[in-house]
PDB file of N, CA and C in Angstrom:
ATOM      1  N   MET A   1      13.386  10.289  14.959  1.00  0.00           N
ATOM      2  CA  MET A   1      12.584   9.558  13.994  1.00  0.00           C
ATOM      3  C   MET A   1      11.727   8.558  14.752  1.00  0.00           C
ATOM      4  N   ARG A   2      10.431   8.635  14.535  1.00  0.00           N
ATOM      5  CA  ARG A   2       9.521   7.743  15.234  1.00  0.00           C
ATOM      6  C   ARG A   2       9.223   6.492  14.418  1.00  0.00           C
ATOM      7  N   GLU A   3       8.967   6.667  13.124  1.00  0.00           N
ATOM      8  CA  GLU A   3       8.668   5.520  12.261  1.00  0.00           C
ATOM      9  C   GLU A   3       8.728   5.938  10.810  1.00  0.00           C
ATOM     10  N   SER A   4       8.689   4.959   9.917  1.00  0.00           N
ATOM     11  CA  SER A   4       8.603   5.232   8.486  1.00  0.00           C
ATOM     12  C   SER A   4       7.557   4.310   7.888  1.00  0.00           C
ATOM     13  N   LEU A   5       6.964   4.768   6.785  1.00  0.00           N
ATOM     14  CA  LEU A   5       5.929   3.978   6.122  1.00  0.00           C
ATOM     15  C   LEU A   5       5.789   4.397   4.674  1.00  0.00           C
ATOM     16  N   ARG A   6       5.168   3.564   3.885  1.00  0.00           N
ATOM     17  CA  ARG A   6       4.793   3.895   2.516  1.00  0.00           C
ATOM     18  C   ARG A   6       3.275   4.035   2.524  1.00  0.00           C
ATOM     19  N   PRO A   7       2.765   5.277   2.427  1.00  0.00           N
ATOM     20  CA  PRO A   7       1.320   5.476   2.579  1.00  0.00           C
ATOM     21  C   PRO A   7       0.515   4.949   1.402  1.00  0.00           C
ATOM     22  N   LYS A   8      -0.685   4.519   1.710  1.00  0.00           N
ATOM     23  CA  LYS A   8      -1.653   4.132   0.683  1.00  0.00           C
ATOM     24  C   LYS A   8      -2.427   5.388   0.301  1.00  0.00           C
ATOM     25  N   ALA A   9      -3.088   5.371  -0.844  1.00  0.00           N
ATOM     26  CA  ALA A   9      -3.803   6.548  -1.345  1.00  0.00           C
ATOM     27  C   ALA A   9      -4.822   7.074  -0.341  1.00  0.00           C
ATOM     28  N   ASP A  10      -5.486   6.181   0.404  1.00  0.00           N
ATOM     29  CA  ASP A  10      -6.511   6.647   1.348  1.00  0.00           C
ATOM     30  C   ASP A  10      -5.918   7.249   2.624  1.00  0.00           C
ATOM     31  N   GLN A  11      -4.590   7.252   2.755  1.00  0.00           N
ATOM     32  CA  GLN A  11      -3.933   7.871   3.907  1.00  0.00           C
ATOM     33  C   GLN A  11      -3.427   9.275   3.590  1.00  0.00           C
ATOM     34  N   ILE A  12      -3.599   9.741   2.357  1.00  0.00           N
ATOM     35  CA  ILE A  12      -3.093  11.033   1.922  1.00  0.00           C
ATOM     36  C   ILE A  12      -4.269  11.989   1.801  1.00  0.00           C
ATOM     37  N   HIS A  13      -4.195  13.109   2.511  1.00  0.00           N
ATOM     38  CA  HIS A  13      -5.311  14.060   2.565  1.00  0.00           C
ATOM     39  C   HIS A  13      -4.826  15.476   2.311  1.00  0.00           C
ATOM     40  N   SER A  14      -5.645  16.243   1.609  1.00  0.00           N
ATOM     41  CA  SER A  14      -5.420  17.676   1.464  1.00  0.00           C
ATOM     42  C   SER A  14      -6.504  18.368   2.255  1.00  0.00           C
ATOM     43  N   VAL A  15      -6.112  19.342   3.041  1.00  0.00           N
ATOM     44  CA  VAL A  15      -7.056  20.091   3.852  1.00  0.00           C
ATOM     45  C   VAL A  15      -6.982  21.538   3.394  1.00  0.00           C
ATOM     46  N   TYR A  16      -8.121  22.151   3.121  1.00  0.00           N
ATOM     47  CA  TYR A  16      -8.158  23.515   2.605  1.00  0.00           C
ATOM     48  C   TYR A  16      -7.284  24.439   3.458  1.00  0.00           C
ATOM     49  N   GLY A  17      -6.394  25.149   2.797  1.00  0.00           N
ATOM     50  CA  GLY A  17      -5.538  26.093   3.487  1.00  0.00           C
ATOM     51  C   GLY A  17      -4.396  25.469   4.256  1.00  0.00           C
ATOM     52  N   GLN A  18      -4.275  24.151   4.229  1.00  0.00           N
ATOM     53  CA  GLN A  18      -3.228  23.455   4.970  1.00  0.00           C
ATOM     54  C   GLN A  18      -2.408  22.604   4.003  1.00  0.00           C
ATOM     55  N   PRO A  19      -1.179  22.302   4.379  1.00  0.00           N
ATOM     56  CA  PRO A  19      -0.373  21.421   3.526  1.00  0.00           C
ATOM     57  C   PRO A  19      -0.947  20.016   3.518  1.00  0.00           C
ATOM     58  N   CYS A  20      -0.406  19.208   2.655  1.00  0.00           N
ATOM     59  CA  CYS A  20      -0.813  17.807   2.551  1.00  0.00           C
ATOM     60  C   CYS A  20      -0.670  17.132   3.908  1.00  0.00           C
ATOM     61  N   MET A  21      -1.629  16.323   4.249  1.00  0.00           N
ATOM     62  CA  MET A  21      -1.607  15.607   5.528  1.00  0.00           C
ATOM     63  C   MET A  21      -1.515  14.107   5.240  1.00  0.00           C
ATOM     64  N   VAL A  22      -0.812  13.400   6.099  1.00  0.00           N
ATOM     65  CA  VAL A  22      -0.699  11.950   5.990  1.00  0.00           C
ATOM     66  C   VAL A  22      -1.328  11.345   7.238  1.00  0.00           C
ATOM     67  N   GLN A  23      -2.217  10.387   7.018  1.00  0.00           N
ATOM     68  CA  GLN A  23      -2.876   9.729   8.142  1.00  0.00           C
ATOM     69  C   GLN A  23      -2.028   8.544   8.596  1.00  0.00           C
ATOM     70  N   VAL A  24      -1.613   8.611   9.860  1.00  0.00           N
ATOM     71  CA  VAL A  24      -0.861   7.523  10.468  1.00  0.00           C
ATOM     72  C   VAL A  24      -1.715   7.039  11.627  1.00  0.00           C
ATOM     73  N   ARG A  25      -2.235   5.826  11.475  1.00  0.00           N
ATOM     74  CA  ARG A  25      -3.242   5.294  12.391  1.00  0.00           C
ATOM     75  C   ARG A  25      -4.426   6.263  12.432  1.00  0.00           C
ATOM     76  N   ASP A  26      -4.803   6.811  13.539  1.00  0.00           N
ATOM     77  CA  ASP A  26      -5.964   7.696  13.602  1.00  0.00           C
ATOM     78  C   ASP A  26      -5.582   9.169  13.678  1.00  0.00           C
ATOM     79  N   ARG A  27      -4.376   9.500  13.284  1.00  0.00           N
ATOM     80  CA  ARG A  27      -3.897  10.872  13.432  1.00  0.00           C
ATOM     81  C   ARG A  27      -3.464  11.444  12.087  1.00  0.00           C
ATOM     82  N   LEU A  28      -3.914  12.682  11.770  1.00  0.00           N
ATOM     83  CA  LEU A  28      -3.456  13.382  10.579  1.00  0.00           C
ATOM     84  C   LEU A  28      -2.209  14.179  10.937  1.00  0.00           C
ATOM     85  N   ILE A  29      -1.149  13.972  10.166  1.00  0.00           N
ATOM     86  CA  ILE A  29       0.136  14.616  10.438  1.00  0.00           C
ATOM     87  C   ILE A  29       0.506  15.483   9.236  1.00  0.00           C
ATOM     88  N   PRO A  30       0.847  16.763   9.463  1.00  0.00           N
ATOM     89  CA  PRO A  30       1.262  17.627   8.352  1.00  0.00           C
ATOM     90  C   PRO A  30       2.574  17.137   7.767  1.00  0.00           C
ATOM     91  N   SER A  31       2.725  17.344   6.460  1.00  0.00           N
ATOM     92  CA  SER A  31       3.913  16.806   5.800  1.00  0.00           C
ATOM     93  C   SER A  31       4.709  17.879   5.075  1.00  0.00           C
ATOM     94  N   LEU A  32       5.972  17.575   4.876  1.00  0.00           N
ATOM     95  CA  LEU A  32       6.902  18.375   4.099  1.00  0.00           C
ATOM     96  C   LEU A  32       7.540  17.468   3.062  1.00  0.00           C
ATOM     97  N   HIS A  33       7.562  17.919   1.831  1.00  0.00           N
ATOM     98  CA  HIS A  33       8.198  17.161   0.768  1.00  0.00           C
ATOM     99  C   HIS A  33       9.627  17.675   0.634  1.00  0.00           C
ATOM    100  N   LEU A  34      10.612  16.869   1.047  1.00  0.00           N
ATOM    101  CA  LEU A  34      11.998  17.329   1.055  1.00  0.00           C
ATOM    102  C   LEU A  34      12.525  17.646  -0.337  1.00  0.00           C
ATOM    103  N   GLY A  35      12.076  16.911  -1.343  1.00  0.00           N
ATOM    104  CA  GLY A  35      12.503  17.195  -2.714  1.00  0.00           C
ATOM    105  C   GLY A  35      12.088  18.587  -3.156  1.00  0.00           C
ATOM    106  N   ASP A  36      10.868  18.991  -2.825  1.00  0.00           N
ATOM    107  CA  ASP A  36      10.399  20.338  -3.157  1.00  0.00           C
ATOM    108  C   ASP A  36      11.112  21.385  -2.311  1.00  0.00           C
ATOM    109  N   LEU A  37      11.254  21.107  -1.031  1.00  0.00           N
ATOM    110  CA  LEU A  37      11.858  22.048  -0.104  1.00  0.00           C
ATOM    111  C   LEU A  37      13.283  22.421  -0.515  1.00  0.00           C
ATOM    112  N   PHE A  38      14.061  21.429  -0.946  1.00  0.00           N
ATOM    113  CA  PHE A  38      15.450  21.676  -1.317  1.00  0.00           C
ATOM    114  C   PHE A  38      15.667  21.753  -2.825  1.00  0.00           C
ATOM    115  N   GLY A  39      14.581  21.784  -3.607  1.00  0.00           N
ATOM    116  CA  GLY A  39      14.680  21.951  -5.054  1.00  0.00           C
ATOM    117  C   GLY A  39      15.422  20.829  -5.753  1.00  0.00           C
ATOM    118  N   ILE A  40      15.124  19.593  -5.386  1.00  0.00           N
ATOM    119  CA  ILE A  40      15.809  18.440  -5.974  1.00  0.00           C
ATOM    120  C   ILE A  40      15.047  17.977  -7.210  1.00  0.00           C
ATOM    121  N   PRO A  41      15.645  18.130  -8.390  1.00  0.00           N
ATOM    122  CA  PRO A  41      14.943  17.687  -9.607  1.00  0.00           C
ATOM    123  C   PRO A  41      14.784  16.167  -9.620  1.00  0.00           C
ATOM    124  N   GLY A  42      13.663  15.712 -10.107  1.00  0.00           N
ATOM    125  CA  GLY A  42      13.406  14.278 -10.221  1.00  0.00           C
ATOM    126  C   GLY A  42      12.972  13.610  -8.930  1.00  0.00           C
ATOM    127  N   ALA A  43      12.682  14.388  -7.887  1.00  0.00           N
ATOM    128  CA  ALA A  43      12.238  13.801  -6.621  1.00  0.00           C
ATOM    129  C   ALA A  43      10.876  13.135  -6.816  1.00  0.00           C
ATOM    130  N   GLN A  44      10.616  12.100  -6.060  1.00  0.00           N
ATOM    131  CA  GLN A  44       9.376  11.328  -6.140  1.00  0.00           C
ATOM    132  C   GLN A  44       8.184  12.188  -5.711  1.00  0.00           C
ATOM    133  N   HIS A  45       7.180  12.318  -6.594  1.00  0.00           N
ATOM    134  CA  HIS A  45       5.991  13.095  -6.250  1.00  0.00           C
ATOM    135  C   HIS A  45       4.752  12.234  -6.069  1.00  0.00           C
ATOM    136  N   ASP A  46       4.814  10.978  -6.425  1.00  0.00           N
ATOM    137  CA  ASP A  46       3.710  10.055  -6.150  1.00  0.00           C
ATOM    138  C   ASP A  46       3.905   9.570  -4.723  1.00  0.00           C
ATOM    139  N   LEU A  47       3.085  10.110  -3.812  1.00  0.00           N
ATOM    140  CA  LEU A  47       3.300   9.807  -2.399  1.00  0.00           C
ATOM    141  C   LEU A  47       3.098   8.339  -2.065  1.00  0.00           C
ATOM    142  N   THR A  48       2.363   7.612  -2.878  1.00  0.00           N
ATOM    143  CA  THR A  48       2.194   6.179  -2.615  1.00  0.00           C
ATOM    144  C   THR A  48       3.447   5.391  -3.010  1.00  0.00           C
ATOM    145  N   SER A  49       4.371   6.037  -3.722  1.00  0.00           N
ATOM    146  CA  SER A  49       5.647   5.400  -4.071  1.00  0.00           C
ATOM    147  C   SER A  49       6.797   5.962  -3.253  1.00  0.00           C
ATOM    148  N   ALA A  50       6.534   7.016  -2.486  1.00  0.00           N
ATOM    149  CA  ALA A  50       7.560   7.639  -1.653  1.00  0.00           C
ATOM    150  C   ALA A  50       7.544   7.008  -0.267  1.00  0.00           C
ATOM    151  N   THR A  51       8.504   7.385   0.531  1.00  0.00           N
ATOM    152  CA  THR A  51       8.562   6.942   1.921  1.00  0.00           C
ATOM    153  C   THR A  51       8.258   8.147   2.807  1.00  0.00           C
ATOM    154  N   VAL A  52       7.438   7.940   3.808  1.00  0.00           N
ATOM    155  CA  VAL A  52       7.119   8.979   4.777  1.00  0.00           C
ATOM    156  C   VAL A  52       7.848   8.636   6.072  1.00  0.00           C
ATOM    157  N   VAL A  53       8.646   9.588   6.548  1.00  0.00           N
ATOM    158  CA  VAL A  53       9.366   9.436   7.805  1.00  0.00           C
ATOM    159  C   VAL A  53       8.680  10.346   8.818  1.00  0.00           C
ATOM    160  N   VAL A  54       8.184   9.761   9.899  1.00  0.00           N
ATOM    161  CA  VAL A  54       7.497  10.543  10.924  1.00  0.00           C
ATOM    162  C   VAL A  54       8.503  10.931  11.995  1.00  0.00           C
ATOM    163  N   LEU A  55       8.684  12.246  12.139  1.00  0.00           N
ATOM    164  CA  LEU A  55       9.566  12.800  13.162  1.00  0.00           C
ATOM    165  C   LEU A  55       8.722  13.442  14.241  1.00  0.00           C
ATOM    166  N   GLU A  56       9.267  13.581  15.411  1.00  0.00           N
ATOM    167  CA  GLU A  56       8.562  14.292  16.460  1.00  0.00           C
ATOM    168  C   GLU A  56       9.549  15.212  17.153  1.00  0.00           C
ATOM    169  N   ASP A  57       9.170  16.481  17.271  1.00  0.00           N
ATOM    170  CA  ASP A  57       9.990  17.470  17.941  1.00  0.00           C
ATOM    171  C   ASP A  57       9.108  18.227  18.918  1.00  0.00           C
ATOM    172  N   ASN A  58       9.438  18.170  20.202  1.00  0.00           N
ATOM    173  CA  ASN A  58       8.633  18.811  21.252  1.00  0.00           C
ATOM    174  C   ASN A  58       7.166  18.384  21.185  1.00  0.00           C
ATOM    175  N   GLY A  59       6.928  17.109  20.936  1.00  0.00           N
ATOM    176  CA  GLY A  59       5.570  16.578  20.901  1.00  0.00           C
ATOM    177  C   GLY A  59       4.814  16.878  19.627  1.00  0.00           C
ATOM    178  N   ARG A  60       5.439  17.557  18.675  1.00  0.00           N
ATOM    179  CA  ARG A  60       4.785  17.923  17.423  1.00  0.00           C
ATOM    180  C   ARG A  60       5.288  17.022  16.286  1.00  0.00           C
ATOM    181  N   PRO A  61       4.414  16.157  15.739  1.00  0.00           N
ATOM    182  CA  PRO A  61       4.856  15.262  14.673  1.00  0.00           C
ATOM    183  C   PRO A  61       4.894  15.966  13.317  1.00  0.00           C
ATOM    184  N   THR A  62       5.811  15.544  12.476  1.00  0.00           N
ATOM    185  CA  THR A  62       5.938  16.013  11.105  1.00  0.00           C
ATOM    186  C   THR A  62       6.230  14.801  10.241  1.00  0.00           C
ATOM    187  N   ALA A  63       5.564  14.722   9.087  1.00  0.00           N
ATOM    188  CA  ALA A  63       5.797  13.636   8.133  1.00  0.00           C
ATOM    189  C   ALA A  63       6.698  14.165   7.018  1.00  0.00           C
ATOM    190  N   LEU A  64       7.913  13.659   6.928  1.00  0.00           N
ATOM    191  CA  LEU A  64       8.825  14.042   5.860  1.00  0.00           C
ATOM    192  C   LEU A  64       8.661  13.079   4.706  1.00  0.00           C
ATOM    193  N   ILE A  65       8.453  13.613   3.527  1.00  0.00           N
ATOM    194  CA  ILE A  65       8.292  12.781   2.338  1.00  0.00           C
ATOM    195  C   ILE A  65       9.650  12.708   1.650  1.00  0.00           C
ATOM    196  N   VAL A  66      10.198  11.496   1.562  1.00  0.00           N
ATOM    197  CA  VAL A  66      11.514  11.269   0.972  1.00  0.00           C
ATOM    198  C   VAL A  66      11.396  10.191  -0.095  1.00  0.00           C
ATOM    199  N   ASP A  67      12.388  10.126  -0.970  1.00  0.00           N
ATOM    200  CA  ASP A  67      12.384   9.107  -2.011  1.00  0.00           C
ATOM    201  C   ASP A  67      12.635   7.721  -1.436  1.00  0.00           C
ATOM    202  N   GLU A  68      13.608   7.612  -0.537  1.00  0.00           N
ATOM    203  CA  GLU A  68      13.921   6.313   0.060  1.00  0.00           C
ATOM    204  C   GLU A  68      14.762   6.502   1.314  1.00  0.00           C
ATOM    205  N   LEU A  69      14.791   5.476   2.129  1.00  0.00           N
ATOM    206  CA  LEU A  69      15.696   5.417   3.277  1.00  0.00           C
ATOM    207  C   LEU A  69      16.838   4.492   2.893  1.00  0.00           C
ATOM    208  N   ILE A  70      18.039   4.951   3.082  1.00  0.00           N
ATOM    209  CA  ILE A  70      19.201   4.158   2.691  1.00  0.00           C
ATOM    210  C   ILE A  70      19.702   3.301   3.835  1.00  0.00           C
ATOM    211  N   GLY A  71      19.639   3.824   5.033  1.00  0.00           N
ATOM    212  CA  GLY A  71      20.122   3.067   6.175  1.00  0.00           C
ATOM    213  C   GLY A  71      20.319   3.977   7.364  1.00  0.00           C
ATOM    214  N   LYS A  72      20.909   3.409   8.390  1.00  0.00           N
ATOM    215  CA  LYS A  72      21.146   4.140   9.629  1.00  0.00           C
ATOM    216  C   LYS A  72      22.638   4.132   9.901  1.00  0.00           C
ATOM    217  N   GLN A  73      23.165   5.307  10.273  1.00  0.00           N
ATOM    218  CA  GLN A  73      24.577   5.421  10.584  1.00  0.00           C
ATOM    219  C   GLN A  73      24.752   6.304  11.798  1.00  0.00           C
ATOM    220  N   GLU A  74      25.780   6.015  12.579  1.00  0.00           N
ATOM    221  CA  GLU A  74      26.176   6.924  13.651  1.00  0.00           C
ATOM    222  C   GLU A  74      27.246   7.823  13.063  1.00  0.00           C
ATOM    223  N   VAL A  75      27.031   9.134  13.192  1.00  0.00           N
ATOM    224  CA  VAL A  75      27.962  10.089  12.608  1.00  0.00           C
ATOM    225  C   VAL A  75      28.238  11.209  13.610  1.00  0.00           C
ATOM    226  N   VAL A  76      29.307  11.930  13.352  1.00  0.00           N
ATOM    227  CA  VAL A  76      29.631  13.122  14.128  1.00  0.00           C
ATOM    228  C   VAL A  76      29.172  14.312  13.306  1.00  0.00           C
ATOM    229  N   ILE A  77      28.295  15.131  13.886  1.00  0.00           N
ATOM    230  CA  ILE A  77      27.761  16.291  13.174  1.00  0.00           C
ATOM    231  C   ILE A  77      28.768  17.433  13.257  1.00  0.00           C
ATOM    232  N   LYS A  78      29.086  17.991  12.109  1.00  0.00           N
ATOM    233  CA  LYS A  78      30.001  19.127  12.016  1.00  0.00           C
ATOM    234  C   LYS A  78      29.228  20.342  11.525  1.00  0.00           C
ATOM    235  N   SER A  79      29.604  21.499  12.001  1.00  0.00           N
ATOM    236  CA  SER A  79      29.009  22.748  11.521  1.00  0.00           C
ATOM    237  C   SER A  79      29.394  22.942  10.055  1.00  0.00           C
ATOM    238  N   LEU A  80      28.475  23.522   9.279  1.00  0.00           N
ATOM    239  CA  LEU A  80      28.769  23.809   7.880  1.00  0.00           C
ATOM    240  C   LEU A  80      29.252  25.238   7.687  1.00  0.00           C
ATOM    241  N   GLY A  81      29.467  25.956   8.781  1.00  0.00           N
ATOM    242  CA  GLY A  81      29.993  27.312   8.707  1.00  0.00           C
ATOM    243  C   GLY A  81      28.935  28.340   8.363  1.00  0.00           C
ATOM    244  N   SER A  82      29.377  29.555   8.204  1.00  0.00           N
ATOM    245  CA  SER A  82      28.454  30.675   7.989  1.00  0.00           C
ATOM    246  C   SER A  82      27.727  30.597   6.651  1.00  0.00           C
ATOM    247  N   THR A  83      28.260  29.874   5.693  1.00  0.00           N
ATOM    248  CA  THR A  83      27.614  29.762   4.385  1.00  0.00           C
ATOM    249  C   THR A  83      26.240  29.115   4.490  1.00  0.00           C
ATOM    250  N   PHE A  84      26.086  28.136   5.371  1.00  0.00           N
ATOM    251  CA  PHE A  84      24.839  27.384   5.480  1.00  0.00           C
ATOM    252  C   PHE A  84      24.051  27.666   6.755  1.00  0.00           C
ATOM    253  N   GLU A  85      24.525  28.573   7.605  1.00  0.00           N
ATOM    254  CA  GLU A  85      23.858  28.782   8.882  1.00  0.00           C
ATOM    255  C   GLU A  85      22.438  29.327   8.739  1.00  0.00           C
ATOM    256  N   SER A  86      22.117  29.963   7.615  1.00  0.00           N
ATOM    257  CA  SER A  86      20.769  30.507   7.426  1.00  0.00           C
ATOM    258  C   SER A  86      19.814  29.511   6.763  1.00  0.00           C
ATOM    259  N   VAL A  87      20.281  28.327   6.426  1.00  0.00           N
ATOM    260  CA  VAL A  87      19.433  27.322   5.797  1.00  0.00           C
ATOM    261  C   VAL A  87      18.629  26.614   6.882  1.00  0.00           C
ATOM    262  N   ARG A  88      17.325  26.927   6.962  1.00  0.00           N
ATOM    263  CA  ARG A  88      16.476  26.305   7.984  1.00  0.00           C
ATOM    264  C   ARG A  88      16.272  24.840   7.658  1.00  0.00           C
ATOM    265  N   GLY A  89      16.276  24.032   8.679  1.00  0.00           N
ATOM    266  CA  GLY A  89      16.053  22.609   8.504  1.00  0.00           C
ATOM    267  C   GLY A  89      17.323  21.795   8.365  1.00  0.00           C
ATOM    268  N   VAL A  90      18.482  22.455   8.302  1.00  0.00           N
ATOM    269  CA  VAL A  90      19.761  21.748   8.196  1.00  0.00           C
ATOM    270  C   VAL A  90      20.577  22.051   9.456  1.00  0.00           C
ATOM    271  N   ALA A  91      20.925  20.992  10.180  1.00  0.00           N
ATOM    272  CA  ALA A  91      21.659  21.151  11.438  1.00  0.00           C
ATOM    273  C   ALA A  91      23.165  21.163  11.230  1.00  0.00           C
ATOM    274  N   GLY A  92      23.639  20.522  10.172  1.00  0.00           N
ATOM    275  CA  GLY A  92      25.071  20.437   9.928  1.00  0.00           C
ATOM    276  C   GLY A  92      25.351  19.390   8.876  1.00  0.00           C
ATOM    277  N   GLY A  93      26.555  18.882   8.878  1.00  0.00           N
ATOM    278  CA  GLY A  93      26.950  17.865   7.913  1.00  0.00           C
ATOM    279  C   GLY A  93      27.772  16.794   8.592  1.00  0.00           C
ATOM    280  N   ALA A  94      27.982  15.708   7.877  1.00  0.00           N
ATOM    281  CA  ALA A  94      28.810  14.610   8.388  1.00  0.00           C
ATOM    282  C   ALA A  94      29.496  13.940   7.210  1.00  0.00           C
ATOM    283  N   ILE A  95      30.696  13.472   7.434  1.00  0.00           N
ATOM    284  CA  ILE A  95      31.390  12.711   6.403  1.00  0.00           C
ATOM    285  C   ILE A  95      30.941  11.269   6.541  1.00  0.00           C
ATOM    286  N   LEU A  96      30.375  10.742   5.472  1.00  0.00           N
ATOM    287  CA  LEU A  96      29.847   9.377   5.479  1.00  0.00           C
ATOM    288  C   LEU A  96      30.955   8.358   5.254  1.00  0.00           C
ATOM    289  N   GLY A  97      30.646   7.099   5.457  1.00  0.00           N
ATOM    290  CA  GLY A  97      31.626   6.026   5.330  1.00  0.00           C
ATOM    291  C   GLY A  97      32.294   5.960   3.972  1.00  0.00           C
ATOM    292  N   ASP A  98      31.583   6.390   2.911  1.00  0.00           N
ATOM    293  CA  ASP A  98      32.163   6.343   1.567  1.00  0.00           C
ATOM    294  C   ASP A  98      32.869   7.647   1.185  1.00  0.00           C
ATOM    295  N   GLY A  99      33.002   8.587   2.158  1.00  0.00           N
ATOM    296  CA  GLY A  99      33.708   9.832   1.907  1.00  0.00           C
ATOM    297  C   GLY A  99      32.828  10.998   1.477  1.00  0.00           C
ATOM    298  N   ARG A 100      31.584  10.732   1.139  1.00  0.00           N
ATOM    299  CA  ARG A 100      30.688  11.820   0.757  1.00  0.00           C
ATOM    300  C   ARG A 100      30.242  12.592   1.987  1.00  0.00           C
ATOM    301  N   VAL A 101      29.819  13.838   1.783  1.00  0.00           N
ATOM    302  CA  VAL A 101      29.277  14.643   2.865  1.00  0.00           C
ATOM    303  C   VAL A 101      27.759  14.509   2.835  1.00  0.00           C
ATOM    304  N   GLY A 102      27.183  14.184   3.975  1.00  0.00           N
ATOM    305  CA  GLY A 102      25.729  14.087   4.095  1.00  0.00           C
ATOM    306  C   GLY A 102      25.218  15.231   4.950  1.00  0.00           C
ATOM    307  N   LEU A 103      24.095  15.814   4.558  1.00  0.00           N
ATOM    308  CA  LEU A 103      23.478  16.869   5.357  1.00  0.00           C
ATOM    309  C   LEU A 103      22.688  16.240   6.487  1.00  0.00           C
ATOM    310  N   ILE A 104      22.772  16.820   7.653  1.00  0.00           N
ATOM    311  CA  ILE A 104      22.025  16.372   8.819  1.00  0.00           C
ATOM    312  C   ILE A 104      20.840  17.314   8.982  1.00  0.00           C
ATOM    313  N   LEU A 105      19.633  16.754   8.921  1.00  0.00           N
ATOM    314  CA  LEU A 105      18.432  17.568   9.013  1.00  0.00           C
ATOM    315  C   LEU A 105      18.071  17.865  10.457  1.00  0.00           C
ATOM    316  N   ASP A 106      17.492  19.025  10.676  1.00  0.00           N
ATOM    317  CA  ASP A 106      17.056  19.474  11.987  1.00  0.00           C
ATOM    318  C   ASP A 106      15.541  19.355  12.051  1.00  0.00           C
ATOM    319  N   ALA A 107      15.039  18.399  12.839  1.00  0.00           N
ATOM    320  CA  ALA A 107      13.594  18.138  12.908  1.00  0.00           C
ATOM    321  C   ALA A 107      12.822  19.376  13.336  1.00  0.00           C
ATOM    322  N   GLY A 108      13.312  20.095  14.324  1.00  0.00           N
ATOM    323  CA  GLY A 108      12.620  21.293  14.788  1.00  0.00           C
ATOM    324  C   GLY A 108      12.570  22.373  13.718  1.00  0.00           C
ATOM    325  N   GLY A 109      13.659  22.569  13.020  1.00  0.00           N
ATOM    326  CA  GLY A 109      13.703  23.559  11.946  1.00  0.00           C
ATOM    327  C   GLY A 109      12.787  23.198  10.801  1.00  0.00           C
ATOM    328  N   LEU A 110      12.718  21.909  10.471  1.00  0.00           N
ATOM    329  CA  LEU A 110      11.814  21.463   9.404  1.00  0.00           C
ATOM    330  C   LEU A 110      10.360  21.640   9.817  1.00  0.00           C
ATOM    331  N   ALA A 111      10.038  21.299  11.061  1.00  0.00           N
ATOM    332  CA  ALA A 111       8.666  21.466  11.545  1.00  0.00           C
ATOM    333  C   ALA A 111       8.266  22.933  11.501  1.00  0.00           C
ATOM    334  N   GLY A 112       9.208  23.834  11.761  1.00  0.00           N
ATOM    335  CA  GLY A 112       8.930  25.261  11.708  1.00  0.00           C
ATOM    336  C   GLY A 112       8.632  25.765  10.313  1.00  0.00           C
ATOM    337  N   LEU A 113       9.034  25.011   9.294  1.00  0.00           N
ATOM    338  CA  LEU A 113       8.781  25.408   7.914  1.00  0.00           C
ATOM    339  C   LEU A 113       7.374  25.052   7.440  1.00  0.00           C
ATOM    340  N   LEU A 114       6.652  24.241   8.184  1.00  0.00           N
ATOM    341  CA  LEU A 114       5.326  23.785   7.734  1.00  0.00           C
ATOM    342  C   LEU A 114       4.402  24.931   7.367  1.00  0.00           C
ATOM    343  N   GLY A 115       4.313  25.937   8.172  1.00  0.00           N
ATOM    344  CA  GLY A 115       3.414  27.046   7.881  1.00  0.00           C
ATOM    345  C   GLY A 115       3.906  27.944   6.773  1.00  0.00           C
ATOM    346  N   LYS A 116       5.202  27.887   6.459  1.00  0.00           N
ATOM    347  CA  LYS A 116       5.783  28.770   5.464  1.00  0.00           C
ATOM    348  C   LYS A 116       5.847  28.152   4.080  1.00  0.00           C
ATOM    349  N   ASN A 117       5.709  26.840   3.977  1.00  0.00           N
ATOM    350  CA  ASN A 117       5.868  26.149   2.702  1.00  0.00           C
ATOM    351  C   ASN A 117       4.515  25.777   2.144  1.00  0.00           C
ATOM    352  N   ALA A 118       4.092  26.429   1.085  1.00  0.00           N
ATOM    353  CA  ALA A 118       2.763  26.194   0.530  1.00  0.00           C
ATOM    354  C   ALA A 118       2.780  25.286  -0.683  1.00  0.00           C
ATOM    355  N   THR A 119       3.942  24.782  -1.087  1.00  0.00           N
ATOM    356  CA  THR A 119       3.992  23.954  -2.287  1.00  0.00           C
ATOM    357  C   THR A 119       4.102  22.493  -1.908  1.00  0.00           C
ATOM    358  N   HIS A 120       2.975  21.870  -1.682  1.00  0.00           N
ATOM    359  CA  HIS A 120       2.922  20.444  -1.345  1.00  0.00           C
ATOM    360  C   HIS A 120       2.087  19.742  -2.406  1.00  0.00           C
ATOM    361  N   ASN A 121       2.475  18.555  -2.736  1.00  0.00           N
ATOM    362  CA  ASN A 121       1.714  17.775  -3.705  1.00  0.00           C
ATOM    363  C   ASN A 121       1.061  16.610  -3.025  1.00  0.00           C
ATOM    364  N   ALA A 122      -0.218  16.388  -3.350  1.00  0.00           N
ATOM    365  CA  ALA A 122      -0.954  15.306  -2.720  1.00  0.00           C
ATOM    366  C   ALA A 122      -1.249  14.178  -3.677  1.00  0.00           C
ATOM    367  N   ALA A 123      -0.463  14.058  -4.737  1.00  0.00           N
ATOM    368  CA  ALA A 123      -0.571  12.998  -5.757  1.00  0.00           C
ATOM    369  C   ALA A 123      -1.973  12.582  -6.028  1.00  0.00           C
TER     370      ALA A 123
END
């Protein structure tokens, strides 16, 4: 994770044939909406009210659109077994401090989905 921000309307761009782009300083970064990607009902679609998390994998930045950041934790990543091994963008799971299981996202796998995911909203 490189940084997070709440974009202003003039930082959100749609480019013909490309997914929604978010301008961070002087650079346009392709984005993925995690709520759409994982089919989460009620996910934030107004990008000016969402949080953008900028990840970088092998020098390639990706802007993940999330509802909010809750915090930072050190966790031990566990495999989710064969049931979830085909889910791109998920590296594993971890048991959180409150006992819930949290999914650990794979930045490289998510970046690989950019060309395959055509359902992006540019509010």
